[in-house]
Amino acid sequence: LQLCRYQLKERRLWHDPGPSDEKGRWLGYEANSSVDSALYRQRGALRSALLLARSLRRTLVLPRFWASERHSRPTTLAGLYDYAAFAAAFPDHREAAFARRLPPPRRFHI
């Protein structure tokens, strides 16, 4: 059920504000398709973002992921990993489509 709900949210077919929307404290990041497309780099960036979001008590807004350098279209977290296990371990997250509803982010590069 969680996977179905997640996939519908990614396609913007399910609107569920949930408790995370009320806080207004989000953390998001992007992956560049040409530079960060290697799966180990995306996994490392996801781990870092999860640690930072948990430390700062923020809701992590997941990015679009890239299956490989050859794929020109991004995929969701469920396309690469077991989403049910991820959601159980890290419940305070939102789908990538949620980022479209947020105000423009303050960007900085590390």
PDB file of N, CA and C in Angstrom:
ATOM      1  N   LEU A   1       0.822  -1.196   0.000  1.00  0.00           N
ATOM      2  CA  LEU A   1       0.000   0.000   0.000  1.00  0.00           C
ATOM      3  C   LEU A   1       0.868   1.263   0.000  1.00  0.00           C
ATOM      4  N   GLN A   2       1.955   1.244   0.792  1.00  0.00           N
ATOM      5  CA  GLN A   2       2.846   2.407   0.833  1.00  0.00           C
ATOM      6  C   GLN A   2       3.454   2.677  -0.531  1.00  0.00           C
ATOM      7  N   LEU A   3       3.876   1.609  -1.216  1.00  0.00           N
ATOM      8  CA  LEU A   3       4.486   1.769  -2.527  1.00  0.00           C
ATOM      9  C   LEU A   3       3.493   2.369  -3.518  1.00  0.00           C
ATOM     10  N   CYS A   4       2.261   1.891  -3.514  1.00  0.00           N
ATOM     11  CA  CYS A   4       1.239   2.431  -4.419  1.00  0.00           C
ATOM     12  C   CYS A   4       0.985   3.902  -4.137  1.00  0.00           C
ATOM     13  N   ARG A   5       0.863   4.256  -2.866  1.00  0.00           N
ATOM     14  CA  ARG A   5       0.632   5.652  -2.494  1.00  0.00           C
ATOM     15  C   ARG A   5       1.813   6.532  -2.931  1.00  0.00           C
ATOM     16  N   TYR A   6       3.039   6.048  -2.716  1.00  0.00           N
ATOM     17  CA  TYR A   6       4.234   6.782  -3.120  1.00  0.00           C
ATOM     18  C   TYR A   6       4.250   7.019  -4.629  1.00  0.00           C
ATOM     19  N   GLN A   7       3.966   5.965  -5.397  1.00  0.00           N
ATOM     20  CA  GLN A   7       3.976   6.105  -6.850  1.00  0.00           C
ATOM     21  C   GLN A   7       2.891   7.063  -7.333  1.00  0.00           C
ATOM     22  N   LEU A   8       1.736   7.047  -6.710  1.00  0.00           N
ATOM     23  CA  LEU A   8       0.684   7.999  -7.081  1.00  0.00           C
ATOM     24  C   LEU A   8       1.078   9.427  -6.728  1.00  0.00           C
ATOM     25  N   LYS A   9       1.750   9.608  -5.596  1.00  0.00           N
ATOM     26  CA  LYS A   9       2.213  10.948  -5.225  1.00  0.00           C
ATOM     27  C   LYS A   9       3.249  11.458  -6.222  1.00  0.00           C
ATOM     28  N   GLU A  10       4.148  10.574  -6.664  1.00  0.00           N
ATOM     29  CA  GLU A  10       5.161  10.973  -7.642  1.00  0.00           C
ATOM     30  C   GLU A  10       4.533  11.414  -8.954  1.00  0.00           C
ATOM     31  N   ARG A  11       3.425  10.821  -9.301  1.00  0.00           N
ATOM     32  CA  ARG A  11       2.735  11.188 -10.547  1.00  0.00           C
ATOM     33  C   ARG A  11       1.737  12.325 -10.337  1.00  0.00           C
ATOM     34  N   ARG A  12       1.730  12.864  -9.124  1.00  0.00           N
ATOM     35  CA  ARG A  12       0.831  13.951  -8.725  1.00  0.00           C
ATOM     36  C   ARG A  12      -0.637  13.568  -8.872  1.00  0.00           C
ATOM     37  N   LEU A  13      -0.950  12.312  -8.589  1.00  0.00           N
ATOM     38  CA  LEU A  13      -2.323  11.822  -8.639  1.00  0.00           C
ATOM     39  C   LEU A  13      -2.909  11.619  -7.247  1.00  0.00           C
ATOM     40  N   TRP A  14      -2.101  11.815  -6.208  1.00  0.00           N
ATOM     41  CA  TRP A  14      -2.538  11.628  -4.826  1.00  0.00           C
ATOM     42  C   TRP A  14      -2.045  12.819  -4.029  1.00  0.00           C
ATOM     43  N   HIS A  15      -2.956  13.543  -3.415  1.00  0.00           N
ATOM     44  CA  HIS A  15      -2.557  14.661  -2.550  1.00  0.00           C
ATOM     45  C   HIS A  15      -2.861  14.286  -1.112  1.00  0.00           C
ATOM     46  N   ASP A  16      -1.807  14.163  -0.335  1.00  0.00           N
ATOM     47  CA  ASP A  16      -1.930  13.818   1.075  1.00  0.00           C
ATOM     48  C   ASP A  16      -1.000  14.745   1.836  1.00  0.00           C
ATOM     49  N   PRO A  17      -1.496  15.832   2.400  1.00  0.00           N
ATOM     50  CA  PRO A  17      -0.593  16.782   3.049  1.00  0.00           C
ATOM     51  C   PRO A  17       0.213  16.156   4.167  1.00  0.00           C
ATOM     52  N   GLY A  18      -0.388  15.329   4.989  1.00  0.00           N
ATOM     53  CA  GLY A  18       0.348  14.643   6.040  1.00  0.00           C
ATOM     54  C   GLY A  18       0.933  15.586   7.073  1.00  0.00           C
ATOM     55  N   PRO A  19       1.472  15.052   8.144  1.00  0.00           N
ATOM     56  CA  PRO A  19       2.012  15.889   9.214  1.00  0.00           C
ATOM     57  C   PRO A  19       3.270  16.646   8.815  1.00  0.00           C
ATOM     58  N   SER A  20       4.024  16.148   7.828  1.00  0.00           N
ATOM     59  CA  SER A  20       5.268  16.806   7.439  1.00  0.00           C
ATOM     60  C   SER A  20       5.033  18.184   6.826  1.00  0.00           C
ATOM     61  N   ASP A  21       3.889  18.365   6.142  1.00  0.00           N
ATOM     62  CA  ASP A  21       3.607  19.640   5.491  1.00  0.00           C
ATOM     63  C   ASP A  21       3.368  20.760   6.493  1.00  0.00           C
ATOM     64  N   GLU A  22       2.880  20.412   7.668  1.00  0.00           N
ATOM     65  CA  GLU A  22       2.541  21.430   8.652  1.00  0.00           C
ATOM     66  C   GLU A  22       3.781  22.093   9.250  1.00  0.00           C
ATOM     67  N   LYS A  23       4.889  21.365   9.323  1.00  0.00           N
ATOM     68  CA  LYS A  23       6.102  21.903   9.923  1.00  0.00           C
ATOM     69  C   LYS A  23       6.731  22.987   9.065  1.00  0.00           C
ATOM     70  N   GLY A  24       6.727  22.787   7.760  1.00  0.00           N
ATOM     71  CA  GLY A  24       7.337  23.758   6.867  1.00  0.00           C
ATOM     72  C   GLY A  24       8.851  23.751   6.918  1.00  0.00           C
ATOM     73  N   ARG A  25       9.433  22.660   7.337  1.00  0.00           N
ATOM     74  CA  ARG A  25      10.888  22.553   7.426  1.00  0.00           C
ATOM     75  C   ARG A  25      11.335  21.389   6.551  1.00  0.00           C
ATOM     76  N   TRP A  26      11.857  21.726   5.382  1.00  0.00           N
ATOM     77  CA  TRP A  26      12.235  20.705   4.422  1.00  0.00           C
ATOM     78  C   TRP A  26      13.708  20.810   4.087  1.00  0.00           C
ATOM     79  N   LEU A  27      14.243  19.717   3.625  1.00  0.00           N
ATOM     80  CA  LEU A  27      15.605  19.668   3.108  1.00  0.00           C
ATOM     81  C   LEU A  27      15.555  18.862   1.824  1.00  0.00           C
ATOM     82  N   GLY A  28      16.082  19.406   0.769  1.00  0.00           N
ATOM     83  CA  GLY A  28      16.093  18.702  -0.505  1.00  0.00           C
ATOM     84  C   GLY A  28      17.446  18.840  -1.163  1.00  0.00           C
ATOM     85  N   TYR A  29      17.691  18.023  -2.136  1.00  0.00           N
ATOM     86  CA  TYR A  29      18.925  18.111  -2.912  1.00  0.00           C
ATOM     87  C   TYR A  29      18.640  17.599  -4.313  1.00  0.00           C
ATOM     88  N   GLU A  30      19.548  17.896  -5.229  1.00  0.00           N
ATOM     89  CA  GLU A  30      19.391  17.471  -6.617  1.00  0.00           C
ATOM     90  C   GLU A  30      20.573  16.616  -7.019  1.00  0.00           C
ATOM     91  N   ALA A  31      20.348  15.772  -7.997  1.00  0.00           N
ATOM     92  CA  ALA A  31      21.430  14.992  -8.589  1.00  0.00           C
ATOM     93  C   ALA A  31      21.531  15.376 -10.056  1.00  0.00           C
ATOM     94  N   ASN A  32      22.722  15.742 -10.481  1.00  0.00           N
ATOM     95  CA  ASN A  32      22.966  16.096 -11.871  1.00  0.00           C
ATOM     96  C   ASN A  32      23.045  14.804 -12.680  1.00  0.00           C
ATOM     97  N   SER A  33      22.268  14.708 -13.721  1.00  0.00           N
ATOM     98  CA  SER A  33      22.194  13.457 -14.476  1.00  0.00           C
ATOM     99  C   SER A  33      23.513  13.073 -15.132  1.00  0.00           C
ATOM    100  N   SER A  34      24.312  14.023 -15.555  1.00  0.00           N
ATOM    101  CA  SER A  34      25.547  13.680 -16.255  1.00  0.00           C
ATOM    102  C   SER A  34      26.693  13.378 -15.299  1.00  0.00           C
ATOM    103  N   VAL A  35      26.709  14.027 -14.144  1.00  0.00           N
ATOM    104  CA  VAL A  35      27.820  13.863 -13.211  1.00  0.00           C
ATOM    105  C   VAL A  35      27.519  12.811 -12.152  1.00  0.00           C
ATOM    106  N   ASP A  36      26.333  12.831 -11.605  1.00  0.00           N
ATOM    107  CA  ASP A  36      25.987  12.002 -10.456  1.00  0.00           C
ATOM    108  C   ASP A  36      25.195  10.756 -10.808  1.00  0.00           C
ATOM    109  N   SER A  37      25.238  10.331 -12.049  1.00  0.00           N
ATOM    110  CA  SER A  37      24.371   9.233 -12.446  1.00  0.00           C
ATOM    111  C   SER A  37      24.818   7.870 -11.936  1.00  0.00           C
ATOM    112  N   ALA A  38      26.055   7.737 -11.507  1.00  0.00           N
ATOM    113  CA  ALA A  38      26.493   6.446 -10.969  1.00  0.00           C
ATOM    114  C   ALA A  38      25.684   6.136  -9.709  1.00  0.00           C
ATOM    115  N   LEU A  39      25.209   4.925  -9.615  1.00  0.00           N
ATOM    116  CA  LEU A  39      24.329   4.542  -8.517  1.00  0.00           C
ATOM    117  C   LEU A  39      25.003   4.706  -7.159  1.00  0.00           C
ATOM    118  N   TYR A  40      26.289   4.404  -7.057  1.00  0.00           N
ATOM    119  CA  TYR A  40      26.973   4.544  -5.768  1.00  0.00           C
ATOM    120  C   TYR A  40      27.056   6.006  -5.340  1.00  0.00           C
ATOM    121  N   ARG A  41      27.160   6.931  -6.286  1.00  0.00           N
ATOM    122  CA  ARG A  41      27.173   8.364  -5.937  1.00  0.00           C
ATOM    123  C   ARG A  41      25.801   8.820  -5.463  1.00  0.00           C
ATOM    124  N   GLN A  42      24.761   8.361  -6.135  1.00  0.00           N
ATOM    125  CA  GLN A  42      23.408   8.720  -5.721  1.00  0.00           C
ATOM    126  C   GLN A  42      23.085   8.152  -4.347  1.00  0.00           C
ATOM    127  N   ARG A  43      23.529   6.918  -4.094  1.00  0.00           N
ATOM    128  CA  ARG A  43      23.302   6.299  -2.792  1.00  0.00           C
ATOM    129  C   ARG A  43      24.058   7.044  -1.695  1.00  0.00           C
ATOM    130  N   GLY A  44      25.285   7.462  -1.990  1.00  0.00           N
ATOM    131  CA  GLY A  44      26.067   8.238  -1.021  1.00  0.00           C
ATOM    132  C   GLY A  44      25.424   9.583  -0.726  1.00  0.00           C
ATOM    133  N   ALA A  45      24.924  10.244  -1.759  1.00  0.00           N
ATOM    134  CA  ALA A  45      24.252  11.531  -1.562  1.00  0.00           C
ATOM    135  C   ALA A  45      22.971  11.353  -0.764  1.00  0.00           C
ATOM    136  N   LEU A  46      22.245  10.266  -1.016  1.00  0.00           N
ATOM    137  CA  LEU A  46      21.016   9.984  -0.268  1.00  0.00           C
ATOM    138  C   LEU A  46      21.331   9.741   1.204  1.00  0.00           C
ATOM    139  N   ARG A  47      22.366   8.957   1.474  1.00  0.00           N
ATOM    140  CA  ARG A  47      22.758   8.717   2.871  1.00  0.00           C
ATOM    141  C   ARG A  47      23.110  10.011   3.584  1.00  0.00           C
ATOM    142  N   SER A  48      23.899  10.852   2.925  1.00  0.00           N
ATOM    143  CA  SER A  48      24.289  12.132   3.526  1.00  0.00           C
ATOM    144  C   SER A  48      23.082  13.013   3.786  1.00  0.00           C
ATOM    145  N   ALA A  49      22.170  13.067   2.829  1.00  0.00           N
ATOM    146  CA  ALA A  49      20.967  13.892   2.986  1.00  0.00           C
ATOM    147  C   ALA A  49      20.080  13.365   4.107  1.00  0.00           C
ATOM    148  N   LEU A  50      19.960  12.041   4.218  1.00  0.00           N
ATOM    149  CA  LEU A  50      19.157  11.455   5.298  1.00  0.00           C
ATOM    150  C   LEU A  50      19.753  11.786   6.660  1.00  0.00           C
ATOM    151  N   LEU A  51      21.063  11.686   6.766  1.00  0.00           N
ATOM    152  CA  LEU A  51      21.730  12.006   8.030  1.00  0.00           C
ATOM    153  C   LEU A  51      21.553  13.480   8.383  1.00  0.00           C
ATOM    154  N   LEU A  52      21.741  14.345   7.408  1.00  0.00           N
ATOM    155  CA  LEU A  52      21.592  15.778   7.637  1.00  0.00           C
ATOM    156  C   LEU A  52      20.149  16.139   7.992  1.00  0.00           C
ATOM    157  N   ALA A  53      19.193  15.584   7.273  1.00  0.00           N
ATOM    158  CA  ALA A  53      17.779  15.869   7.551  1.00  0.00           C
ATOM    159  C   ALA A  53      17.391  15.404   8.952  1.00  0.00           C
ATOM    160  N   ARG A  54      17.858  14.235   9.325  1.00  0.00           N
ATOM    161  CA  ARG A  54      17.536  13.721  10.660  1.00  0.00           C
ATOM    162  C   ARG A  54      18.199  14.579  11.738  1.00  0.00           C
ATOM    163  N   SER A  55      19.434  14.995  11.505  1.00  0.00           N
ATOM    164  CA  SER A  55      20.146  15.826  12.484  1.00  0.00           C
ATOM    165  C   SER A  55      19.493  17.195  12.654  1.00  0.00           C
ATOM    166  N   LEU A  56      19.009  17.752  11.545  1.00  0.00           N
ATOM    167  CA  LEU A  56      18.398  19.081  11.575  1.00  0.00           C
ATOM    168  C   LEU A  56      16.891  19.034  11.833  1.00  0.00           C
ATOM    169  N   ARG A  57      16.362  17.837  11.999  1.00  0.00           N
ATOM    170  CA  ARG A  57      14.917  17.629  12.196  1.00  0.00           C
ATOM    171  C   ARG A  57      14.103  18.236  11.046  1.00  0.00           C
ATOM    172  N   ARG A  58      14.513  17.889   9.855  1.00  0.00           N
ATOM    173  CA  ARG A  58      13.834  18.350   8.640  1.00  0.00           C
ATOM    174  C   ARG A  58      13.210  17.168   7.919  1.00  0.00           C
ATOM    175  N   THR A  59      12.226  17.462   7.105  1.00  0.00           N
ATOM    176  CA  THR A  59      11.646  16.457   6.234  1.00  0.00           C
ATOM    177  C   THR A  59      12.452  16.434   4.949  1.00  0.00           C
ATOM    178  N   LEU A  60      12.948  15.276   4.570  1.00  0.00           N
ATOM    179  CA  LEU A  60      13.752  15.159   3.351  1.00  0.00           C
ATOM    180  C   LEU A  60      12.834  15.046   2.145  1.00  0.00           C
ATOM    181  N   VAL A  61      13.016  15.936   1.180  1.00  0.00           N
ATOM    182  CA  VAL A  61      12.295  15.856  -0.090  1.00  0.00           C
ATOM    183  C   VAL A  61      13.216  15.104  -1.046  1.00  0.00           C
ATOM    184  N   LEU A  62      12.783  13.917  -1.440  1.00  0.00           N
ATOM    185  CA  LEU A  62      13.614  13.061  -2.282  1.00  0.00           C
ATOM    186  C   LEU A  62      13.769  13.659  -3.672  1.00  0.00           C
ATOM    187  N   PRO A  63      14.929  13.486  -4.280  1.00  0.00           N
ATOM    188  CA  PRO A  63      15.121  13.960  -5.652  1.00  0.00           C
ATOM    189  C   PRO A  63      14.674  12.908  -6.656  1.00  0.00           C
ATOM    190  N   ARG A  64      14.776  13.233  -7.911  1.00  0.00           N
ATOM    191  CA  ARG A  64      14.633  12.233  -8.964  1.00  0.00           C
ATOM    192  C   ARG A  64      15.967  11.512  -9.039  1.00  0.00           C
ATOM    193  N   PHE A  65      15.930  10.227  -9.292  1.00  0.00           N
ATOM    194  CA  PHE A  65      17.143   9.430  -9.393  1.00  0.00           C
ATOM    195  C   PHE A  65      17.376   9.040 -10.842  1.00  0.00           C
ATOM    196  N   TRP A  66      18.625   8.736 -11.172  1.00  0.00           N
ATOM    197  CA  TRP A  66      19.006   8.363 -12.528  1.00  0.00           C
ATOM    198  C   TRP A  66      19.461   6.910 -12.515  1.00  0.00           C
ATOM    199  N   ALA A  67      18.800   6.078 -13.302  1.00  0.00           N
ATOM    200  CA  ALA A  67      19.117   4.650 -13.320  1.00  0.00           C
ATOM    201  C   ALA A  67      20.502   4.402 -13.920  1.00  0.00           C
ATOM    202  N   SER A  68      20.891   5.172 -14.936  1.00  0.00           N
ATOM    203  CA  SER A  68      22.215   5.048 -15.543  1.00  0.00           C
ATOM    204  C   SER A  68      22.476   6.268 -16.406  1.00  0.00           C
ATOM    205  N   GLU A  69      23.699   6.377 -16.884  1.00  0.00           N
ATOM    206  CA  GLU A  69      24.051   7.515 -17.740  1.00  0.00           C
ATOM    207  C   GLU A  69      23.291   7.472 -19.060  1.00  0.00           C
ATOM    208  N   ARG A  70      22.948   6.284 -19.522  1.00  0.00           N
ATOM    209  CA  ARG A  70      22.270   6.142 -20.814  1.00  0.00           C
ATOM    210  C   ARG A  70      20.806   6.559 -20.755  1.00  0.00           C
ATOM    211  N   HIS A  71      20.209   6.530 -19.577  1.00  0.00           N
ATOM    212  CA  HIS A  71      18.793   6.873 -19.455  1.00  0.00           C
ATOM    213  C   HIS A  71      18.639   8.384 -19.371  1.00  0.00           C
ATOM    214  N   SER A  72      17.833   8.934 -20.233  1.00  0.00           N
ATOM    215  CA  SER A  72      17.633  10.380 -20.227  1.00  0.00           C
ATOM    216  C   SER A  72      16.486  10.788 -19.313  1.00  0.00           C
ATOM    217  N   ARG A  73      15.706   9.809 -18.847  1.00  0.00           N
ATOM    218  CA  ARG A  73      14.586  10.116 -17.960  1.00  0.00           C
ATOM    219  C   ARG A  73      14.906   9.680 -16.540  1.00  0.00           C
ATOM    220  N   PRO A  74      14.586  10.520 -15.577  1.00  0.00           N
ATOM    221  CA  PRO A  74      14.834  10.118 -14.183  1.00  0.00           C
ATOM    222  C   PRO A  74      13.810   9.098 -13.709  1.00  0.00           C
ATOM    223  N   THR A  75      14.122   8.464 -12.599  1.00  0.00           N
ATOM    224  CA  THR A  75      13.216   7.485 -12.002  1.00  0.00           C
ATOM    225  C   THR A  75      12.979   7.855 -10.540  1.00  0.00           C
ATOM    226  N   THR A  76      12.109   7.144  -9.891  1.00  0.00           N
ATOM    227  CA  THR A  76      11.814   7.415  -8.485  1.00  0.00           C
ATOM    228  C   THR A  76      12.666   6.501  -7.603  1.00  0.00           C
ATOM    229  N   LEU A  77      12.609   6.735  -6.326  1.00  0.00           N
ATOM    230  CA  LEU A  77      13.315   5.897  -5.367  1.00  0.00           C
ATOM    231  C   LEU A  77      12.843   4.448  -5.480  1.00  0.00           C
ATOM    232  N   ALA A  78      11.552   4.253  -5.696  1.00  0.00           N
ATOM    233  CA  ALA A  78      10.993   2.908  -5.806  1.00  0.00           C
ATOM    234  C   ALA A  78      11.517   2.169  -7.034  1.00  0.00           C
ATOM    235  N   GLY A  79      12.006   2.896  -8.017  1.00  0.00           N
ATOM    236  CA  GLY A  79      12.584   2.265  -9.198  1.00  0.00           C
ATOM    237  C   GLY A  79      13.951   1.671  -8.949  1.00  0.00           C
ATOM    238  N   LEU A  80      14.599   2.074  -7.863  1.00  0.00           N
ATOM    239  CA  LEU A  80      15.954   1.598  -7.570  1.00  0.00           C
ATOM    240  C   LEU A  80      16.068   0.800  -6.287  1.00  0.00           C
ATOM    241  N   TYR A  81      15.225   1.090  -5.318  1.00  0.00           N
ATOM    242  CA  TYR A  81      15.349   0.488  -3.997  1.00  0.00           C
ATOM    243  C   TYR A  81      14.005  -0.053  -3.529  1.00  0.00           C
ATOM    244  N   ASP A  82      14.035  -0.779  -2.431  1.00  0.00           N
ATOM    245  CA  ASP A  82      12.825  -1.298  -1.801  1.00  0.00           C
ATOM    246  C   ASP A  82      12.176  -0.144  -1.026  1.00  0.00           C
ATOM    247  N   TYR A  83      11.122   0.423  -1.588  1.00  0.00           N
ATOM    248  CA  TYR A  83      10.523   1.609  -0.977  1.00  0.00           C
ATOM    249  C   TYR A  83       9.904   1.321   0.383  1.00  0.00           C
ATOM    250  N   ALA A  84       9.277   0.166   0.556  1.00  0.00           N
ATOM    251  CA  ALA A  84       8.629  -0.158   1.835  1.00  0.00           C
ATOM    252  C   ALA A  84       9.652  -0.195   2.964  1.00  0.00           C
ATOM    253  N   ALA A  85      10.811  -0.781   2.717  1.00  0.00           N
ATOM    254  CA  ALA A  85      11.867  -0.822   3.737  1.00  0.00           C
ATOM    255  C   ALA A  85      12.410   0.582   4.008  1.00  0.00           C
ATOM    256  N   PHE A  86      12.554   1.381   2.967  1.00  0.00           N
ATOM    257  CA  PHE A  86      13.033   2.749   3.130  1.00  0.00           C
ATOM    258  C   PHE A  86      12.050   3.564   3.958  1.00  0.00           C
ATOM    259  N   ALA A  87      10.762   3.467   3.631  1.00  0.00           N
ATOM    260  CA  ALA A  87       9.736   4.239   4.339  1.00  0.00           C
ATOM    261  C   ALA A  87       9.633   3.826   5.802  1.00  0.00           C
ATOM    262  N   ALA A  88       9.849   2.545   6.086  1.00  0.00           N
ATOM    263  CA  ALA A  88       9.806   2.091   7.475  1.00  0.00           C
ATOM    264  C   ALA A  88      10.985   2.632   8.278  1.00  0.00           C
ATOM    265  N   ALA A  89      12.154   2.708   7.643  1.00  0.00           N
ATOM    266  CA  ALA A  89      13.355   3.189   8.338  1.00  0.00           C
ATOM    267  C   ALA A  89      13.407   4.706   8.418  1.00  0.00           C
ATOM    268  N   PHE A  90      12.889   5.391   7.410  1.00  0.00           N
ATOM    269  CA  PHE A  90      12.952   6.859   7.344  1.00  0.00           C
ATOM    270  C   PHE A  90      11.561   7.418   7.027  1.00  0.00           C
ATOM    271  N   PRO A  91      10.686   7.466   8.012  1.00  0.00           N
ATOM    272  CA  PRO A  91       9.304   7.885   7.737  1.00  0.00           C
ATOM    273  C   PRO A  91       9.155   9.375   7.413  1.00  0.00           C
ATOM    274  N   ASP A  92      10.100  10.204   7.804  1.00  0.00           N
ATOM    275  CA  ASP A  92       9.963  11.651   7.601  1.00  0.00           C
ATOM    276  C   ASP A  92      10.592  12.069   6.273  1.00  0.00           C
ATOM    277  N   HIS A  93       9.915  11.737   5.189  1.00  0.00           N
ATOM    278  CA  HIS A  93      10.385  12.105   3.852  1.00  0.00           C
ATOM    279  C   HIS A  93       9.174  12.409   2.971  1.00  0.00           C
ATOM    280  N   ARG A  94       9.431  13.059   1.869  1.00  0.00           N
ATOM    281  CA  ARG A  94       8.387  13.359   0.882  1.00  0.00           C
ATOM    282  C   ARG A  94       8.890  12.990  -0.491  1.00  0.00           C
ATOM    283  N   GLU A  95       7.965  12.777  -1.403  1.00  0.00           N
ATOM    284  CA  GLU A  95       8.288  12.409  -2.773  1.00  0.00           C
ATOM    285  C   GLU A  95       8.831  13.608  -3.542  1.00  0.00           C
ATOM    286  N   ALA A  96       9.512  13.342  -4.647  1.00  0.00           N
ATOM    287  CA  ALA A  96      10.111  14.402  -5.460  1.00  0.00           C
ATOM    288  C   ALA A  96       9.058  15.360  -6.010  1.00  0.00           C
ATOM    289  N   ALA A  97       7.881  14.862  -6.346  1.00  0.00           N
ATOM    290  CA  ALA A  97       6.822  15.716  -6.893  1.00  0.00           C
ATOM    291  C   ALA A  97       6.381  16.782  -5.882  1.00  0.00           C
ATOM    292  N   PHE A  98       6.578  16.526  -4.597  1.00  0.00           N
ATOM    293  CA  PHE A  98       6.217  17.482  -3.555  1.00  0.00           C
ATOM    294  C   PHE A  98       7.022  18.778  -3.698  1.00  0.00           C
ATOM    295  N   ALA A  99       8.231  18.697  -4.208  1.00  0.00           N
ATOM    296  CA  ALA A  99       9.089  19.872  -4.345  1.00  0.00           C
ATOM    297  C   ALA A  99       8.473  20.927  -5.258  1.00  0.00           C
ATOM    298  N   ARG A 100       7.627  20.514  -6.171  1.00  0.00           N
ATOM    299  CA  ARG A 100       6.992  21.478  -7.089  1.00  0.00           C
ATOM    300  C   ARG A 100       6.019  22.394  -6.363  1.00  0.00           C
ATOM    301  N   ARG A 101       5.537  21.964  -5.200  1.00  0.00           N
ATOM    302  CA  ARG A 101       4.580  22.783  -4.440  1.00  0.00           C
ATOM    303  C   ARG A 101       5.267  23.720  -3.447  1.00  0.00           C
ATOM    304  N   LEU A 102       6.566  23.574  -3.262  1.00  0.00           N
ATOM    305  CA  LEU A 102       7.287  24.384  -2.282  1.00  0.00           C
ATOM    306  C   LEU A 102       7.708  25.720  -2.884  1.00  0.00           C
ATOM    307  N   PRO A 103       7.960  26.724  -2.041  1.00  0.00           N
ATOM    308  CA  PRO A 103       8.504  27.971  -2.561  1.00  0.00           C
ATOM    309  C   PRO A 103       9.907  27.743  -3.107  1.00  0.00           C
ATOM    310  N   PRO A 104      10.396  28.650  -3.950  1.00  0.00           N
ATOM    311  CA  PRO A 104      11.740  28.461  -4.520  1.00  0.00           C
ATOM    312  C   PRO A 104      12.779  28.305  -3.403  1.00  0.00           C
ATOM    313  N   PRO A 105      13.671  27.344  -3.563  1.00  0.00           N
ATOM    314  CA  PRO A 105      14.645  27.086  -2.498  1.00  0.00           C
ATOM    315  C   PRO A 105      15.787  28.091  -2.505  1.00  0.00           C
ATOM    316  N   ARG A 106      16.409  28.209  -1.357  1.00  0.00           N
ATOM    317  CA  ARG A 106      17.668  28.939  -1.278  1.00  0.00           C
ATOM    318  C   ARG A 106      18.742  27.940  -1.662  1.00  0.00           C
ATOM    319  N   ARG A 107      19.489  28.240  -2.661  1.00  0.00           N
ATOM    320  CA  ARG A 107      20.477  27.300  -3.156  1.00  0.00           C
ATOM    321  C   ARG A 107      21.868  27.689  -2.682  1.00  0.00           C
ATOM    322  N   PHE A 108      22.609  26.661  -2.385  1.00  0.00           N
ATOM    323  CA  PHE A 108      24.023  26.848  -2.085  1.00  0.00           C
ATOM    324  C   PHE A 108      24.747  25.591  -2.498  1.00  0.00           C
ATOM    325  N   HIS A 109      26.012  25.718  -2.765  1.00  0.00           N
ATOM    326  CA  HIS A 109      26.802  24.602  -3.255  1.00  0.00           C
ATOM    327  C   HIS A 109      27.890  24.291  -2.232  1.00  0.00           C
ATOM    328  N   ILE A 110      28.030  23.012  -1.931  1.00  0.00           N
ATOM    329  CA  ILE A 110      29.059  22.606  -0.979  1.00  0.00           C
ATOM    330  C   ILE A 110      30.192  21.967  -1.738  1.00  0.00           C
TER     331      ILE A 110
END
